[in-house]
Amino acid sequence: SNYTRQLQRLGIQDPVLSKESSDVM
């Protein structure tokens, strides 16, 4: 719940966060 709330507050989706920065770029 804490993790999900932080993602929602920042507007980030979990699948995006799981990727490496180079892949995200």
PDB file of all heavy atoms in Angstrom:
ATOM      1  N   SER A   1       0.830  -1.209   0.000  1.00  0.00           N
ATOM      2  CA  SER A   1       0.000   0.000   0.000  1.00  0.00           C
ATOM      3  C   SER A   1       0.861   1.254   0.000  1.00  0.00           C
ATOM      4  O   SER A   1       0.583   2.213  -0.739  1.00  0.00           O
ATOM      5  CB  SER A   1      -0.935   0.004   1.212  1.00  0.00           C
ATOM      6  OG  SER A   1      -1.845  -1.068   1.155  1.00  0.00           O
ATOM      7  N   ASN A   2       1.913   1.260   0.810  1.00  0.00           N
ATOM      8  CA  ASN A   2       2.815   2.417   0.854  1.00  0.00           C
ATOM      9  C   ASN A   2       3.491   2.634  -0.503  1.00  0.00           C
ATOM     10  O   ASN A   2       3.590   3.770  -0.993  1.00  0.00           O
ATOM     11  CB  ASN A   2       3.880   2.215   1.934  1.00  0.00           C
ATOM     12  CG  ASN A   2       3.296   2.262   3.339  1.00  0.00           C
ATOM     13  OD1 ASN A   2       2.217   2.823   3.552  1.00  0.00           O
ATOM     14  ND2 ASN A   2       4.002   1.671   4.295  1.00  0.00           N
ATOM     15  N   TYR A   3       3.951   1.555  -1.101  1.00  0.00           N
ATOM     16  CA  TYR A   3       4.619   1.630  -2.405  1.00  0.00           C
ATOM     17  C   TYR A   3       3.655   2.137  -3.482  1.00  0.00           C
ATOM     18  O   TYR A   3       4.007   3.028  -4.281  1.00  0.00           O
ATOM     19  CB  TYR A   3       5.154   0.249  -2.765  1.00  0.00           C
ATOM     20  CG  TYR A   3       5.741   0.140  -4.151  1.00  0.00           C
ATOM     21  CD1 TYR A   3       6.966   0.731  -4.462  1.00  0.00           C
ATOM     22  CD2 TYR A   3       5.080  -0.576  -5.145  1.00  0.00           C
ATOM     23  CE1 TYR A   3       7.508   0.615  -5.740  1.00  0.00           C
ATOM     24  CE2 TYR A   3       5.617  -0.694  -6.413  1.00  0.00           C
ATOM     25  CZ  TYR A   3       6.821  -0.096  -6.710  1.00  0.00           C
ATOM     26  OH  TYR A   3       7.362  -0.211  -7.972  1.00  0.00           O
ATOM     27  N   THR A   4       2.447   1.594  -3.488  1.00  0.00           N
ATOM     28  CA  THR A   4       1.451   1.980  -4.484  1.00  0.00           C
ATOM     29  C   THR A   4       1.071   3.447  -4.341  1.00  0.00           C
ATOM     30  O   THR A   4       0.919   4.164  -5.343  1.00  0.00           O
ATOM     31  CB  THR A   4       0.197   1.101  -4.357  1.00  0.00           C
ATOM     32  OG1 THR A   4       0.555  -0.281  -4.500  1.00  0.00           O
ATOM     33  CG2 THR A   4      -0.832   1.454  -5.428  1.00  0.00           C
ATOM     34  N   ARG A   5       0.919   3.915  -3.107  1.00  0.00           N
ATOM     35  CA  ARG A   5       0.559   5.316  -2.881  1.00  0.00           C
ATOM     36  C   ARG A   5       1.652   6.257  -3.389  1.00  0.00           C
ATOM     37  O   ARG A   5       1.361   7.314  -3.969  1.00  0.00           O
ATOM     38  CB  ARG A   5       0.300   5.568  -1.401  1.00  0.00           C
ATOM     39  CG  ARG A   5      -1.073   5.136  -0.925  1.00  0.00           C
ATOM     40  CD  ARG A   5      -1.426   5.788   0.403  1.00  0.00           C
ATOM     41  NE  ARG A   5      -0.462   5.457   1.445  1.00  0.00           N
ATOM     42  CZ  ARG A   5      -0.573   4.413   2.254  1.00  0.00           C
ATOM     43  NH1 ARG A   5      -1.609   3.587   2.120  1.00  0.00           N
ATOM     44  NH2 ARG A   5       0.327   4.180   3.189  1.00  0.00           N
ATOM     45  N   GLN A   6       2.903   5.897  -3.188  1.00  0.00           N
ATOM     46  CA  GLN A   6       4.001   6.742  -3.663  1.00  0.00           C
ATOM     47  C   GLN A   6       4.030   6.803  -5.195  1.00  0.00           C
ATOM     48  O   GLN A   6       4.268   7.864  -5.773  1.00  0.00           O
ATOM     49  CB  GLN A   6       5.330   6.212  -3.132  1.00  0.00           C
ATOM     50  CG  GLN A   6       5.506   6.387  -1.627  1.00  0.00           C
ATOM     51  CD  GLN A   6       6.889   5.955  -1.168  1.00  0.00           C
ATOM     52  OE1 GLN A   6       7.892   6.558  -1.538  1.00  0.00           O
ATOM     53  NE2 GLN A   6       6.940   4.891  -0.384  1.00  0.00           N
ATOM     54  N   LEU A   7       3.791   5.664  -5.848  1.00  0.00           N
ATOM     55  CA  LEU A   7       3.741   5.663  -7.307  1.00  0.00           C
ATOM     56  C   LEU A   7       2.615   6.562  -7.811  1.00  0.00           C
ATOM     57  O   LEU A   7       2.786   7.333  -8.763  1.00  0.00           O
ATOM     58  CB  LEU A   7       3.543   4.241  -7.836  1.00  0.00           C
ATOM     59  CG  LEU A   7       4.697   3.252  -7.677  1.00  0.00           C
ATOM     60  CD1 LEU A   7       4.327   1.913  -8.298  1.00  0.00           C
ATOM     61  CD2 LEU A   7       5.974   3.783  -8.309  1.00  0.00           C
ATOM     62  N   GLN A   8       1.443   6.454  -7.180  1.00  0.00           N
ATOM     63  CA  GLN A   8       0.303   7.276  -7.587  1.00  0.00           C
ATOM     64  C   GLN A   8       0.586   8.755  -7.359  1.00  0.00           C
ATOM     65  O   GLN A   8       0.215   9.595  -8.187  1.00  0.00           O
ATOM     66  CB  GLN A   8      -0.945   6.836  -6.829  1.00  0.00           C
ATOM     67  CG  GLN A   8      -1.453   5.455  -7.216  1.00  0.00           C
ATOM     68  CD  GLN A   8      -2.596   4.972  -6.341  1.00  0.00           C
ATOM     69  OE1 GLN A   8      -2.863   5.527  -5.269  1.00  0.00           O
ATOM     70  NE2 GLN A   8      -3.292   3.933  -6.785  1.00  0.00           N
ATOM     71  N   ARG A   9       1.228   9.073  -6.260  1.00  0.00           N
ATOM     72  CA  ARG A   9       1.528  10.479  -5.952  1.00  0.00           C
ATOM     73  C   ARG A   9       2.487  11.072  -6.974  1.00  0.00           C
ATOM     74  O   ARG A   9       2.366  12.233  -7.360  1.00  0.00           O
ATOM     75  CB  ARG A   9       2.136  10.574  -4.553  1.00  0.00           C
ATOM     76  CG  ARG A   9       2.475  11.987  -4.103  1.00  0.00           C
ATOM     77  CD  ARG A   9       2.866  12.019  -2.643  1.00  0.00           C
ATOM     78  NE  ARG A   9       3.977  11.116  -2.349  1.00  0.00           N
ATOM     79  CZ  ARG A   9       5.252  11.440  -2.510  1.00  0.00           C
ATOM     80  NH1 ARG A   9       5.579  12.646  -2.968  1.00  0.00           N
ATOM     81  NH2 ARG A   9       6.210  10.585  -2.202  1.00  0.00           N
ATOM     82  N   LEU A  10       3.434  10.264  -7.447  1.00  0.00           N
ATOM     83  CA  LEU A  10       4.422  10.737  -8.412  1.00  0.00           C
ATOM     84  C   LEU A  10       3.957  10.573  -9.858  1.00  0.00           C
ATOM     85  O   LEU A  10       4.602  11.093 -10.770  1.00  0.00           O
ATOM     86  CB  LEU A  10       5.746   9.982  -8.216  1.00  0.00           C
ATOM     87  CG  LEU A  10       6.456  10.229  -6.885  1.00  0.00           C
ATOM     88  CD1 LEU A  10       7.617   9.258  -6.715  1.00  0.00           C
ATOM     89  CD2 LEU A  10       6.954  11.673  -6.804  1.00  0.00           C
ATOM     90  N   GLY A  11       2.867   9.840 -10.063  1.00  0.00           N
ATOM     91  CA  GLY A  11       2.368   9.618 -11.416  1.00  0.00           C
ATOM     92  C   GLY A  11       3.193   8.638 -12.215  1.00  0.00           C
ATOM     93  O   GLY A  11       3.256   8.719 -13.450  1.00  0.00           O
ATOM     94  N   ILE A  12       3.833   7.689 -11.526  1.00  0.00           N
ATOM     95  CA  ILE A  12       4.695   6.690 -12.176  1.00  0.00           C
ATOM     96  C   ILE A  12       4.022   5.325 -12.131  1.00  0.00           C
ATOM     97  O   ILE A  12       3.373   4.979 -11.142  1.00  0.00           O
ATOM     98  CB  ILE A  12       6.075   6.621 -11.476  1.00  0.00           C
ATOM     99  CG1 ILE A  12       6.771   7.970 -11.544  1.00  0.00           C
ATOM    100  CG2 ILE A  12       6.959   5.547 -12.105  1.00  0.00           C
ATOM    101  CD1 ILE A  12       8.058   8.018 -10.764  1.00  0.00           C
ATOM    102  N   GLN A  13       4.200   4.543 -13.191  1.00  0.00           N
ATOM    103  CA  GLN A  13       3.670   3.186 -13.236  1.00  0.00           C
ATOM    104  C   GLN A  13       4.760   2.183 -12.871  1.00  0.00           C
ATOM    105  O   GLN A  13       5.928   2.373 -13.225  1.00  0.00           O
ATOM    106  CB  GLN A  13       3.115   2.873 -14.632  1.00  0.00           C
ATOM    107  CG  GLN A  13       1.974   3.786 -15.054  1.00  0.00           C
ATOM    108  CD  GLN A  13       1.545   3.542 -16.484  1.00  0.00           C
ATOM    109  OE1 GLN A  13       2.163   2.771 -17.213  1.00  0.00           O
ATOM    110  NE2 GLN A  13       0.489   4.211 -16.896  1.00  0.00           N
ATOM    111  N   ASP A  14       4.376   1.131 -12.186  1.00  0.00           N
ATOM    112  CA  ASP A  14       5.360   0.137 -11.736  1.00  0.00           C
ATOM    113  C   ASP A  14       6.160  -0.479 -12.879  1.00  0.00           C
ATOM    114  O   ASP A  14       7.377  -0.641 -12.758  1.00  0.00           O
ATOM    115  CB  ASP A  14       4.663  -0.961 -10.931  1.00  0.00           C
ATOM    116  CG  ASP A  14       5.634  -2.053 -10.522  1.00  0.00           C
ATOM    117  OD1 ASP A  14       6.421  -1.831  -9.582  1.00  0.00           O
ATOM    118  OD2 ASP A  14       5.621  -3.129 -11.164  1.00  0.00           O
ATOM    119  N   PRO A  15       5.528  -0.858 -14.018  1.00  0.00           N
ATOM    120  CA  PRO A  15       6.330  -1.443 -15.098  1.00  0.00           C
ATOM    121  C   PRO A  15       7.445  -0.524 -15.586  1.00  0.00           C
ATOM    122  O   PRO A  15       8.497  -0.989 -16.024  1.00  0.00           O
ATOM    123  CB  PRO A  15       5.294  -1.692 -16.205  1.00  0.00           C
ATOM    124  CG  PRO A  15       3.998  -1.838 -15.475  1.00  0.00           C
ATOM    125  CD  PRO A  15       4.093  -0.879 -14.333  1.00  0.00           C
ATOM    126  N   VAL A  16       7.227   0.793 -15.525  1.00  0.00           N
ATOM    127  CA  VAL A  16       8.255   1.746 -15.955  1.00  0.00           C
ATOM    128  C   VAL A  16       9.408   1.764 -14.954  1.00  0.00           C
ATOM    129  O   VAL A  16      10.583   1.773 -15.321  1.00  0.00           O
ATOM    130  CB  VAL A  16       7.646   3.159 -16.102  1.00  0.00           C
ATOM    131  CG1 VAL A  16       8.737   4.173 -16.459  1.00  0.00           C
ATOM    132  CG2 VAL A  16       6.568   3.155 -17.171  1.00  0.00           C
ATOM    133  N   LEU A  17       9.059   1.750 -13.667  1.00  0.00           N
ATOM    134  CA  LEU A  17      10.080   1.810 -12.625  1.00  0.00           C
ATOM    135  C   LEU A  17      10.969   0.569 -12.641  1.00  0.00           C
ATOM    136  O   LEU A  17      12.129   0.615 -12.239  1.00  0.00           O
ATOM    137  CB  LEU A  17       9.412   1.957 -11.256  1.00  0.00           C
ATOM    138  CG  LEU A  17      10.331   2.217 -10.068  1.00  0.00           C
ATOM    139  CD1 LEU A  17      11.022   3.568 -10.218  1.00  0.00           C
ATOM    140  CD2 LEU A  17       9.555   2.154  -8.759  1.00  0.00           C
ATOM    141  N   SER A  18      10.441  -0.554 -13.104  1.00  0.00           N
ATOM    142  CA  SER A  18      11.208  -1.805 -13.092  1.00  0.00           C
ATOM    143  C   SER A  18      12.269  -1.850 -14.182  1.00  0.00           C
ATOM    144  O   SER A  18      13.141  -2.720 -14.176  1.00  0.00           O
ATOM    145  CB  SER A  18      10.259  -2.998 -13.271  1.00  0.00           C
ATOM    146  OG  SER A  18       9.646  -2.968 -14.552  1.00  0.00           O
ATOM    147  N   LYS A  19      12.221  -0.901 -15.132  1.00  0.00           N
ATOM    148  CA  LYS A  19      13.169  -0.920 -16.245  1.00  0.00           C
ATOM    149  C   LYS A  19      14.446  -0.157 -15.895  1.00  0.00           C
ATOM    150  O   LYS A  19      14.442   0.718 -15.042  1.00  0.00           O
ATOM    151  CB  LYS A  19      12.529  -0.293 -17.491  1.00  0.00           C
ATOM    152  CG  LYS A  19      11.298  -1.030 -17.988  1.00  0.00           C
ATOM    153  CD  LYS A  19      10.625  -0.267 -19.116  1.00  0.00           C
ATOM    154  CE  LYS A  19       9.347  -0.976 -19.567  1.00  0.00           C
ATOM    155  NZ  LYS A  19       8.627  -0.204 -20.602  1.00  0.00           N
ATOM    156  N   GLU A  20      15.516  -0.498 -16.607  1.00  0.00           N
ATOM    157  CA  GLU A  20      16.762   0.233 -16.461  1.00  0.00           C
ATOM    158  C   GLU A  20      16.617   1.625 -17.083  1.00  0.00           C
ATOM    159  O   GLU A  20      15.829   1.814 -18.013  1.00  0.00           O
ATOM    160  CB  GLU A  20      17.912  -0.521 -17.153  1.00  0.00           C
ATOM    161  CG  GLU A  20      18.240  -1.866 -16.524  1.00  0.00           C
ATOM    162  CD  GLU A  20      18.790  -1.718 -15.108  1.00  0.00           C
ATOM    163  OE1 GLU A  20      19.423  -0.672 -14.822  1.00  0.00           O
ATOM    164  OE2 GLU A  20      18.594  -2.654 -14.305  1.00  0.00           O
ATOM    165  N   SER A  21      17.390   2.554 -16.584  1.00  0.00           N
ATOM    166  CA  SER A  21      17.285   3.941 -17.065  1.00  0.00           C
ATOM    167  C   SER A  21      17.558   4.034 -18.568  1.00  0.00           C
ATOM    168  O   SER A  21      16.920   4.818 -19.283  1.00  0.00           O
ATOM    169  CB  SER A  21      18.254   4.836 -16.301  1.00  0.00           C
ATOM    170  OG  SER A  21      17.956   4.833 -14.931  1.00  0.00           O
ATOM    171  N   SER A  22      18.511   3.233 -19.060  1.00  0.00           N
ATOM    172  CA  SER A  22      18.830   3.262 -20.502  1.00  0.00           C
ATOM    173  C   SER A  22      17.635   2.787 -21.324  1.00  0.00           C
ATOM    174  O   SER A  22      17.351   3.337 -22.395  1.00  0.00           O
ATOM    175  CB  SER A  22      20.040   2.395 -20.794  1.00  0.00           C
ATOM    176  OG  SER A  22      19.828   1.048 -20.358  1.00  0.00           O
ATOM    177  N   ASP A  23      16.923   1.753 -20.827  1.00  0.00           N
ATOM    178  CA  ASP A  23      15.737   1.263 -21.528  1.00  0.00           C
ATOM    179  C   ASP A  23      14.625   2.300 -21.510  1.00  0.00           C
ATOM    180  O   ASP A  23      13.897   2.480 -22.494  1.00  0.00           O
ATOM    181  CB  ASP A  23      15.244  -0.038 -20.891  1.00  0.00           C
ATOM    182  CG  ASP A  23      16.206  -1.192 -21.101  1.00  0.00           C
ATOM    183  OD1 ASP A  23      16.940  -1.156 -22.113  1.00  0.00           O
ATOM    184  OD2 ASP A  23      16.218  -2.118 -20.271  1.00  0.00           O
ATOM    185  N   VAL A  24      14.470   2.972 -20.357  1.00  0.00           N
ATOM    186  CA  VAL A  24      13.450   4.013 -20.251  1.00  0.00           C
ATOM    187  C   VAL A  24      13.749   5.133 -21.239  1.00  0.00           C
ATOM    188  O   VAL A  24      12.851   5.644 -21.922  1.00  0.00           O
ATOM    189  CB  VAL A  24      13.373   4.564 -18.814  1.00  0.00           C
ATOM    190  CG1 VAL A  24      12.398   5.746 -18.742  1.00  0.00           C
ATOM    191  CG2 VAL A  24      12.931   3.471 -17.857  1.00  0.00           C
ATOM    192  N   MET A  25      15.018   5.532 -21.341  1.00  0.00           N
ATOM    193  CA  MET A  25      15.406   6.581 -22.281  1.00  0.00           C
ATOM    194  C   MET A  25      15.117   6.162 -23.719  1.00  0.00           C
ATOM    195  O   MET A  25      14.556   6.931 -24.514  1.00  0.00           O
ATOM    196  CB  MET A  25      16.895   6.898 -22.113  1.00  0.00           C
ATOM    197  CG  MET A  25      17.443   7.885 -23.144  1.00  0.00           C
ATOM    198  SD  MET A  25      16.692   9.522 -23.026  1.00  0.00           S
ATOM    199  CE  MET A  25      17.608  10.169 -21.607  1.00  0.00           C
TER     200      MET A  25
END
